[in-house]
Amino acid sequence: MSVKAIISKQYQDKVDRAAARVRKIAVPPEGWLCTARKALGMSAAQLARRLGVTRAQVSNTEKGELSGSVTMKTLQTMAETMGYRFVYVIVPEEKVQAILADRAKKKATRLVEETHKHMALEEQALSEKQISFEIERLQQDLIRNMPSDFWDDKG
C-alpha cells in the first residue's frame, strides 16, 4: 500500500469514526443556541448583557442559526459566553468508502458504456456479463488509483 493510500485511509477512518459518534444527533427545533441558553435558565436579555449586545441581536442570532445565516465565529462567541464549547463537524451520510465506490461505479459505467458504443459500431460488442465485469474491474481500479479527475463531472 502506498503512502498516499495509507494517508487517505487514515482520513477516511477519521471521518467515519466522527460520523459514527454524531450520526444520531439532530439539531433541536429551536436550534442549539436557544436550547443551550434555556438549559442554563438564562434569558435572552441576560445573554445579551453578557455579550454586550441587544436582546434583539441575541434573538436574531438564534433565528439565524436555524436559517444558516449566522457565522461560526458568532456561534463560538455565544457558546463560550454561556460556558459551552462550540464544536462543528461535517459527516458523510454513509461510510466514505461507500461514497467512493458509488462515484467510481458511476464513472466506470459511463466509461464502459462509451467504449461499448464504439465497439458495437465496429461489431465488437461486449456481452452483458462482460460489461458488468468491466464496470466492476474499472470501479476497483478507479478506487485503488484515484485519477485527478475522479470528482470532475465529465468523464
N, C-alpha and C. Protein backbone atom coordinates (compact mmCIF):
# COMPACT_ATOMS: atom_id res chain seq x y z
N MET A 1 0.85 -1.18 0.00
CA MET A 1 0.00 0.00 0.00
C MET A 1 0.89 1.24 0.00
N SER A 2 0.59 2.20 -0.86
CA SER A 2 1.40 3.40 -0.97
C SER A 2 1.15 4.34 0.22
N VAL A 3 2.08 5.26 0.42
CA VAL A 3 1.94 6.24 1.49
C VAL A 3 0.67 7.06 1.27
N LYS A 4 0.41 7.44 0.03
CA LYS A 4 -0.79 8.21 -0.31
C LYS A 4 -2.06 7.43 0.07
N ALA A 5 -2.07 6.14 -0.21
CA ALA A 5 -3.23 5.30 0.11
C ALA A 5 -3.40 5.16 1.62
N ILE A 6 -2.30 5.04 2.34
CA ILE A 6 -2.35 4.93 3.80
C ILE A 6 -2.91 6.21 4.41
N ILE A 7 -2.42 7.35 3.92
CA ILE A 7 -2.92 8.63 4.43
C ILE A 7 -4.40 8.81 4.12
N SER A 8 -4.81 8.45 2.91
CA SER A 8 -6.21 8.54 2.52
C SER A 8 -7.08 7.67 3.43
N LYS A 9 -6.61 6.47 3.70
CA LYS A 9 -7.35 5.55 4.58
C LYS A 9 -7.46 6.13 5.98
N GLN A 10 -6.41 6.78 6.48
CA GLN A 10 -6.46 7.40 7.80
C GLN A 10 -7.51 8.51 7.84
N TYR A 11 -7.57 9.31 6.79
CA TYR A 11 -8.59 10.37 6.72
C TYR A 11 -9.99 9.74 6.68
N GLN A 12 -10.15 8.70 5.87
CA GLN A 12 -11.45 8.04 5.78
C GLN A 12 -11.88 7.50 7.14
N ASP A 13 -10.97 6.86 7.85
CA ASP A 13 -11.29 6.31 9.17
C ASP A 13 -11.66 7.41 10.16
N LYS A 14 -10.95 8.53 10.10
CA LYS A 14 -11.24 9.66 10.99
C LYS A 14 -12.65 10.19 10.76
N VAL A 15 -13.01 10.37 9.50
CA VAL A 15 -14.34 10.88 9.15
C VAL A 15 -15.42 9.86 9.54
N ASP A 16 -15.18 8.58 9.25
CA ASP A 16 -16.16 7.54 9.59
C ASP A 16 -16.36 7.43 11.11
N ARG A 17 -15.28 7.55 11.89
CA ARG A 17 -15.41 7.49 13.35
C ARG A 17 -16.23 8.68 13.88
N ALA A 18 -15.96 9.87 13.34
CA ALA A 18 -16.72 11.05 13.76
C ALA A 18 -18.19 10.88 13.41
N ALA A 19 -18.45 10.38 12.23
CA ALA A 19 -19.84 10.17 11.79
C ALA A 19 -20.56 9.19 12.70
N ALA A 20 -19.87 8.14 13.10
CA ALA A 20 -20.49 7.13 13.98
C ALA A 20 -20.86 7.74 15.32
N ARG A 21 -20.06 8.69 15.79
CA ARG A 21 -20.33 9.32 17.09
C ARG A 21 -21.51 10.30 17.05
N VAL A 22 -21.67 11.00 15.95
CA VAL A 22 -22.65 12.08 15.92
C VAL A 22 -23.86 11.83 15.02
N ARG A 23 -23.89 10.69 14.38
CA ARG A 23 -24.96 10.42 13.40
C ARG A 23 -26.36 10.59 13.99
N LYS A 24 -26.55 10.25 15.25
CA LYS A 24 -27.88 10.30 15.85
C LYS A 24 -28.22 11.67 16.44
N ILE A 25 -27.27 12.59 16.42
CA ILE A 25 -27.52 13.92 16.97
C ILE A 25 -28.25 14.76 15.94
N ALA A 26 -29.32 15.37 16.37
CA ALA A 26 -30.10 16.24 15.49
C ALA A 26 -30.20 17.63 16.11
N VAL A 27 -30.28 18.63 15.28
CA VAL A 27 -30.45 19.99 15.78
C VAL A 27 -31.82 20.11 16.43
N PRO A 28 -31.87 20.61 17.65
CA PRO A 28 -33.18 20.80 18.30
C PRO A 28 -34.04 21.77 17.50
N PRO A 29 -35.35 21.66 17.60
CA PRO A 29 -36.24 22.54 16.82
C PRO A 29 -35.97 24.03 17.01
N GLU A 30 -35.54 24.43 18.21
CA GLU A 30 -35.25 25.85 18.47
C GLU A 30 -33.80 26.21 18.14
N GLY A 31 -33.00 25.22 17.75
CA GLY A 31 -31.58 25.46 17.49
C GLY A 31 -30.76 25.22 18.75
N TRP A 32 -29.46 25.06 18.55
CA TRP A 32 -28.58 24.78 19.68
C TRP A 32 -28.39 25.98 20.60
N LEU A 33 -28.28 27.18 20.04
CA LEU A 33 -28.06 28.36 20.89
C LEU A 33 -29.20 28.56 21.88
N CYS A 34 -30.40 28.56 21.37
CA CYS A 34 -31.58 28.75 22.22
C CYS A 34 -31.71 27.61 23.23
N THR A 35 -31.51 26.39 22.78
CA THR A 35 -31.61 25.23 23.65
C THR A 35 -30.56 25.28 24.76
N ALA A 36 -29.33 25.62 24.39
CA ALA A 36 -28.24 25.71 25.38
C ALA A 36 -28.51 26.82 26.39
N ARG A 37 -28.99 27.96 25.91
CA ARG A 37 -29.31 29.09 26.80
C ARG A 37 -30.42 28.71 27.77
N LYS A 38 -31.47 28.09 27.24
CA LYS A 38 -32.60 27.69 28.10
C LYS A 38 -32.21 26.60 29.08
N ALA A 39 -31.27 25.73 28.68
CA ALA A 39 -30.80 24.69 29.60
C ALA A 39 -30.13 25.30 30.82
N LEU A 40 -29.54 26.48 30.65
CA LEU A 40 -28.90 27.17 31.76
C LEU A 40 -29.89 28.02 32.56
N GLY A 41 -31.11 28.13 32.05
CA GLY A 41 -32.10 29.00 32.70
C GLY A 41 -31.75 30.47 32.49
N MET A 42 -31.06 30.77 31.40
CA MET A 42 -30.61 32.13 31.10
C MET A 42 -31.57 32.77 30.10
N SER A 43 -31.98 33.99 30.38
CA SER A 43 -32.85 34.69 29.43
C SER A 43 -32.02 35.27 28.30
N ALA A 44 -32.71 35.62 27.22
CA ALA A 44 -32.03 36.23 26.08
C ALA A 44 -31.44 37.58 26.51
N ALA A 45 -32.15 38.29 27.38
CA ALA A 45 -31.66 39.59 27.88
C ALA A 45 -30.38 39.40 28.70
N GLN A 46 -30.34 38.34 29.52
CA GLN A 46 -29.14 38.09 30.32
C GLN A 46 -27.95 37.73 29.43
N LEU A 47 -28.18 36.91 28.42
CA LEU A 47 -27.10 36.57 27.50
C LEU A 47 -26.65 37.81 26.74
N ALA A 48 -27.59 38.64 26.33
CA ALA A 48 -27.26 39.88 25.61
C ALA A 48 -26.35 40.76 26.46
N ARG A 49 -26.67 40.92 27.76
CA ARG A 49 -25.83 41.73 28.65
C ARG A 49 -24.42 41.15 28.73
N ARG A 50 -24.32 39.84 28.83
CA ARG A 50 -23.01 39.19 28.93
C ARG A 50 -22.19 39.39 27.65
N LEU A 51 -22.89 39.44 26.52
CA LEU A 51 -22.23 39.62 25.22
C LEU A 51 -21.98 41.09 24.88
N GLY A 52 -22.70 41.98 25.56
CA GLY A 52 -22.60 43.40 25.25
C GLY A 52 -23.35 43.78 24.00
N VAL A 53 -24.48 43.07 23.77
CA VAL A 53 -25.32 43.35 22.61
C VAL A 53 -26.76 43.51 23.08
N THR A 54 -27.66 43.76 22.12
CA THR A 54 -29.06 43.90 22.49
C THR A 54 -29.74 42.54 22.54
N ARG A 55 -30.88 42.49 23.23
CA ARG A 55 -31.66 41.26 23.29
C ARG A 55 -32.14 40.87 21.89
N ALA A 56 -32.46 41.87 21.08
CA ALA A 56 -32.90 41.61 19.70
C ALA A 56 -31.78 40.94 18.89
N GLN A 57 -30.54 41.33 19.15
CA GLN A 57 -29.43 40.71 18.43
C GLN A 57 -29.29 39.23 18.81
N VAL A 58 -29.50 38.92 20.09
CA VAL A 58 -29.46 37.52 20.53
C VAL A 58 -30.58 36.75 19.83
N SER A 59 -31.78 37.31 19.82
CA SER A 59 -32.92 36.66 19.18
C SER A 59 -32.66 36.46 17.69
N ASN A 60 -32.13 37.49 17.04
CA ASN A 60 -31.82 37.38 15.60
C ASN A 60 -30.74 36.34 15.33
N THR A 61 -29.77 36.24 16.22
CA THR A 61 -28.70 35.25 16.05
C THR A 61 -29.27 33.85 16.22
N GLU A 62 -30.14 33.66 17.20
CA GLU A 62 -30.75 32.35 17.40
C GLU A 62 -31.58 31.95 16.18
N LYS A 63 -32.30 32.90 15.61
CA LYS A 63 -33.06 32.63 14.38
C LYS A 63 -32.11 32.38 13.21
N GLY A 64 -31.02 33.14 13.18
CA GLY A 64 -30.03 32.99 12.12
C GLY A 64 -29.36 31.62 12.13
N GLU A 65 -29.22 31.04 13.32
CA GLU A 65 -28.66 29.70 13.40
C GLU A 65 -29.55 28.73 12.62
N LEU A 66 -30.85 28.85 12.79
CA LEU A 66 -31.79 27.94 12.12
C LEU A 66 -31.82 28.15 10.61
N SER A 67 -31.63 29.39 10.17
CA SER A 67 -31.66 29.66 8.73
C SER A 67 -30.29 29.49 8.08
N GLY A 68 -29.26 29.32 8.90
CA GLY A 68 -27.92 29.12 8.36
C GLY A 68 -27.19 30.41 8.03
N SER A 69 -27.67 31.53 8.54
CA SER A 69 -27.06 32.81 8.19
C SER A 69 -26.10 33.34 9.26
N VAL A 70 -25.90 32.60 10.33
CA VAL A 70 -25.01 33.04 11.39
C VAL A 70 -23.61 32.47 11.15
N THR A 71 -22.59 33.23 11.50
CA THR A 71 -21.22 32.76 11.28
C THR A 71 -20.78 31.81 12.39
N MET A 72 -19.78 31.01 12.07
CA MET A 72 -19.25 30.09 13.08
C MET A 72 -18.62 30.88 14.22
N LYS A 73 -18.00 32.01 13.90
CA LYS A 73 -17.37 32.85 14.95
C LYS A 73 -18.43 33.33 15.94
N THR A 74 -19.59 33.73 15.43
CA THR A 74 -20.67 34.17 16.31
C THR A 74 -21.17 33.01 17.16
N LEU A 75 -21.34 31.85 16.58
CA LEU A 75 -21.75 30.66 17.34
C LEU A 75 -20.74 30.36 18.44
N GLN A 76 -19.47 30.44 18.10
CA GLN A 76 -18.42 30.16 19.07
C GLN A 76 -18.44 31.17 20.21
N THR A 77 -18.57 32.45 19.89
CA THR A 77 -18.60 33.50 20.91
C THR A 77 -19.78 33.32 21.85
N MET A 78 -20.94 33.06 21.29
CA MET A 78 -22.13 32.89 22.14
C MET A 78 -22.00 31.63 23.00
N ALA A 79 -21.51 30.55 22.42
CA ALA A 79 -21.34 29.31 23.18
C ALA A 79 -20.38 29.54 24.35
N GLU A 80 -19.24 30.15 24.08
CA GLU A 80 -18.25 30.38 25.13
C GLU A 80 -18.76 31.33 26.20
N THR A 81 -19.56 32.31 25.81
CA THR A 81 -20.14 33.24 26.78
C THR A 81 -21.06 32.51 27.75
N MET A 82 -21.69 31.44 27.28
CA MET A 82 -22.57 30.63 28.15
C MET A 82 -21.80 29.53 28.87
N GLY A 83 -20.49 29.43 28.64
CA GLY A 83 -19.71 28.39 29.29
C GLY A 83 -19.69 27.08 28.52
N TYR A 84 -20.05 27.13 27.26
CA TYR A 84 -20.06 25.95 26.39
C TYR A 84 -18.84 25.98 25.49
N ARG A 85 -18.60 24.88 24.84
CA ARG A 85 -17.56 24.77 23.82
C ARG A 85 -18.27 24.57 22.49
N PHE A 86 -17.92 25.37 21.50
CA PHE A 86 -18.51 25.25 20.17
C PHE A 86 -17.74 24.21 19.38
N VAL A 87 -18.45 23.26 18.82
CA VAL A 87 -17.86 22.20 18.01
C VAL A 87 -18.68 22.07 16.75
N TYR A 88 -18.01 21.91 15.61
CA TYR A 88 -18.76 21.62 14.39
C TYR A 88 -18.12 20.42 13.74
N VAL A 89 -18.90 19.72 12.96
CA VAL A 89 -18.42 18.52 12.31
C VAL A 89 -19.15 18.34 10.99
N ILE A 90 -18.42 17.85 10.01
CA ILE A 90 -19.01 17.52 8.71
C ILE A 90 -18.89 16.01 8.59
N VAL A 91 -20.03 15.36 8.48
CA VAL A 91 -20.02 13.90 8.43
C VAL A 91 -20.77 13.39 7.21
N PRO A 92 -20.30 12.29 6.67
CA PRO A 92 -20.96 11.72 5.49
C PRO A 92 -22.26 11.01 5.87
N GLU A 93 -23.16 10.92 4.92
CA GLU A 93 -24.42 10.21 5.15
C GLU A 93 -24.18 8.70 5.27
N GLU A 94 -23.11 8.23 4.64
CA GLU A 94 -22.73 6.82 4.70
C GLU A 94 -21.21 6.77 4.82
N LYS A 95 -20.64 5.60 4.95
CA LYS A 95 -19.18 5.49 5.08
C LYS A 95 -18.50 6.08 3.85
N VAL A 96 -17.33 6.66 4.07
CA VAL A 96 -16.58 7.29 2.99
C VAL A 96 -16.32 6.29 1.86
N GLN A 97 -15.96 5.07 2.20
CA GLN A 97 -15.68 4.05 1.19
C GLN A 97 -16.89 3.81 0.29
N ALA A 98 -18.09 3.89 0.86
CA ALA A 98 -19.30 3.70 0.06
C ALA A 98 -19.51 4.87 -0.90
N ILE A 99 -19.18 6.07 -0.46
CA ILE A 99 -19.29 7.25 -1.34
C ILE A 99 -18.30 7.11 -2.50
N LEU A 100 -17.08 6.68 -2.18
CA LEU A 100 -16.06 6.49 -3.22
C LEU A 100 -16.48 5.38 -4.19
N ALA A 101 -17.00 4.29 -3.66
CA ALA A 101 -17.42 3.17 -4.51
C ALA A 101 -18.55 3.60 -5.44
N ASP A 102 -19.49 4.37 -4.92
CA ASP A 102 -20.60 4.85 -5.75
C ASP A 102 -20.10 5.75 -6.87
N ARG A 103 -19.22 6.67 -6.53
CA ARG A 103 -18.67 7.57 -7.55
C ARG A 103 -17.89 6.79 -8.60
N ALA A 104 -17.06 5.85 -8.13
CA ALA A 104 -16.25 5.05 -9.05
C ALA A 104 -17.13 4.21 -9.97
N LYS A 105 -18.22 3.68 -9.43
CA LYS A 105 -19.12 2.87 -10.26
C LYS A 105 -19.77 3.73 -11.35
N LYS A 106 -20.18 4.95 -10.99
CA LYS A 106 -20.79 5.83 -11.98
C LYS A 106 -19.79 6.18 -13.08
N LYS A 107 -18.56 6.50 -12.69
CA LYS A 107 -17.54 6.82 -13.69
C LYS A 107 -17.22 5.60 -14.54
N ALA A 108 -17.08 4.45 -13.91
CA ALA A 108 -16.76 3.22 -14.63
C ALA A 108 -17.87 2.88 -15.61
N THR A 109 -19.10 3.00 -15.16
CA THR A 109 -20.25 2.69 -16.02
C THR A 109 -20.26 3.61 -17.24
N ARG A 110 -20.04 4.88 -17.01
CA ARG A 110 -20.03 5.85 -18.12
C ARG A 110 -18.91 5.52 -19.11
N LEU A 111 -17.73 5.20 -18.60
CA LEU A 111 -16.60 4.88 -19.47
C LEU A 111 -16.84 3.60 -20.26
N VAL A 112 -17.34 2.57 -19.60
CA VAL A 112 -17.59 1.30 -20.27
C VAL A 112 -18.70 1.46 -21.31
N GLU A 113 -19.73 2.20 -20.99
CA GLU A 113 -20.82 2.41 -21.95
C GLU A 113 -20.35 3.15 -23.19
N GLU A 114 -19.50 4.17 -23.00
CA GLU A 114 -18.96 4.91 -24.14
C GLU A 114 -18.11 3.99 -25.02
N THR A 115 -17.26 3.21 -24.37
CA THR A 115 -16.41 2.27 -25.10
C THR A 115 -17.24 1.22 -25.82
N HIS A 116 -18.26 0.74 -25.14
CA HIS A 116 -19.12 -0.29 -25.72
C HIS A 116 -19.82 0.22 -26.98
N LYS A 117 -20.25 1.48 -26.96
CA LYS A 117 -20.90 2.06 -28.14
C LYS A 117 -19.96 2.02 -29.35
N HIS A 118 -18.71 2.42 -29.10
CA HIS A 118 -17.73 2.43 -30.20
C HIS A 118 -17.43 1.01 -30.67
N MET A 119 -17.34 0.09 -29.74
CA MET A 119 -17.06 -1.30 -30.09
C MET A 119 -18.23 -1.90 -30.87
N ALA A 120 -19.46 -1.53 -30.50
CA ALA A 120 -20.65 -2.04 -31.19
C ALA A 120 -20.67 -1.55 -32.63
N LEU A 121 -20.25 -0.30 -32.84
CA LEU A 121 -20.18 0.23 -34.21
C LEU A 121 -19.18 -0.56 -35.05
N GLU A 122 -18.17 -1.12 -34.40
CA GLU A 122 -17.16 -1.92 -35.10
C GLU A 122 -17.49 -3.41 -35.02
N GLU A 123 -18.71 -3.69 -34.61
CA GLU A 123 -19.20 -5.07 -34.49
C GLU A 123 -18.34 -5.91 -33.54
N GLN A 124 -17.93 -5.27 -32.41
CA GLN A 124 -17.16 -5.96 -31.38
C GLN A 124 -17.85 -5.77 -30.02
N ALA A 125 -19.15 -5.76 -30.02
CA ALA A 125 -19.92 -5.51 -28.81
C ALA A 125 -19.63 -6.55 -27.74
N LEU A 126 -19.68 -6.10 -26.48
CA LEU A 126 -19.48 -6.98 -25.33
C LEU A 126 -20.82 -7.56 -24.88
N SER A 127 -20.76 -8.71 -24.26
CA SER A 127 -21.97 -9.28 -23.68
C SER A 127 -22.30 -8.54 -22.39
N GLU A 128 -23.52 -8.71 -21.88
CA GLU A 128 -23.90 -8.08 -20.61
C GLU A 128 -22.96 -8.51 -19.48
N LYS A 129 -22.58 -9.79 -19.49
CA LYS A 129 -21.67 -10.32 -18.47
C LYS A 129 -20.31 -9.63 -18.57
N GLN A 130 -19.82 -9.44 -19.79
CA GLN A 130 -18.54 -8.76 -19.98
C GLN A 130 -18.62 -7.29 -19.56
N ILE A 131 -19.74 -6.66 -19.87
CA ILE A 131 -19.93 -5.26 -19.49
C ILE A 131 -19.91 -5.14 -17.96
N SER A 132 -20.65 -6.00 -17.28
CA SER A 132 -20.68 -5.98 -15.81
C SER A 132 -19.29 -6.21 -15.23
N PHE A 133 -18.57 -7.18 -15.79
CA PHE A 133 -17.22 -7.47 -15.32
C PHE A 133 -16.32 -6.25 -15.50
N GLU A 134 -16.38 -5.61 -16.65
CA GLU A 134 -15.53 -4.45 -16.94
C GLU A 134 -15.87 -3.27 -16.03
N ILE A 135 -17.15 -3.07 -15.78
CA ILE A 135 -17.55 -1.98 -14.88
C ILE A 135 -16.96 -2.23 -13.49
N GLU A 136 -17.11 -3.45 -12.99
CA GLU A 136 -16.60 -3.76 -11.65
C GLU A 136 -15.07 -3.66 -11.61
N ARG A 137 -14.41 -4.16 -12.65
CA ARG A 137 -12.95 -4.11 -12.70
C ARG A 137 -12.47 -2.65 -12.72
N LEU A 138 -13.09 -1.84 -13.55
CA LEU A 138 -12.71 -0.44 -13.66
C LEU A 138 -13.05 0.32 -12.38
N GLN A 139 -14.17 0.00 -11.76
CA GLN A 139 -14.55 0.63 -10.50
C GLN A 139 -13.46 0.41 -9.45
N GLN A 140 -13.01 -0.84 -9.31
CA GLN A 140 -11.96 -1.15 -8.34
C GLN A 140 -10.66 -0.43 -8.68
N ASP A 141 -10.34 -0.35 -9.95
CA ASP A 141 -9.14 0.35 -10.38
C ASP A 141 -9.23 1.84 -10.07
N LEU A 142 -10.38 2.44 -10.30
CA LEU A 142 -10.57 3.86 -10.00
C LEU A 142 -10.43 4.14 -8.51
N ILE A 143 -10.93 3.25 -7.67
CA ILE A 143 -10.81 3.44 -6.22
C ILE A 143 -9.35 3.29 -5.81
N ARG A 144 -8.68 2.29 -6.34
CA ARG A 144 -7.29 1.99 -5.98
C ARG A 144 -6.34 3.09 -6.47
N ASN A 145 -6.53 3.55 -7.69
CA ASN A 145 -5.64 4.52 -8.32
C ASN A 145 -6.43 5.77 -8.69
N MET A 146 -7.00 6.42 -7.71
CA MET A 146 -7.90 7.53 -7.96
C MET A 146 -7.27 8.59 -8.87
N PRO A 147 -7.81 8.75 -10.07
CA PRO A 147 -7.26 9.74 -11.00
C PRO A 147 -7.59 11.16 -10.55
N SER A 148 -6.84 12.12 -11.05
CA SER A 148 -7.06 13.51 -10.64
C SER A 148 -8.43 14.03 -11.04
N ASP A 149 -9.06 13.43 -12.05
CA ASP A 149 -10.39 13.89 -12.50
C ASP A 149 -11.52 13.07 -11.86
N PHE A 150 -11.21 12.33 -10.81
CA PHE A 150 -12.21 11.45 -10.18
C PHE A 150 -13.50 12.19 -9.83
N TRP A 151 -13.39 13.41 -9.33
CA TRP A 151 -14.57 14.17 -8.91
C TRP A 151 -15.04 15.17 -9.95
N ASP A 152 -14.41 15.18 -11.12
CA ASP A 152 -14.90 16.03 -12.20
C ASP A 152 -16.19 15.43 -12.74
N ASP A 153 -17.12 16.27 -13.11
CA ASP A 153 -18.41 15.77 -13.56
C ASP A 153 -18.40 15.19 -14.96
N LYS A 154 -17.42 15.52 -15.76
CA LYS A 154 -17.31 14.95 -17.11
C LYS A 154 -16.43 13.71 -17.05
N GLY A 155 -16.80 12.71 -17.84
CA GLY A 155 -15.97 11.51 -17.97
C GLY A 155 -15.94 10.76 -16.73
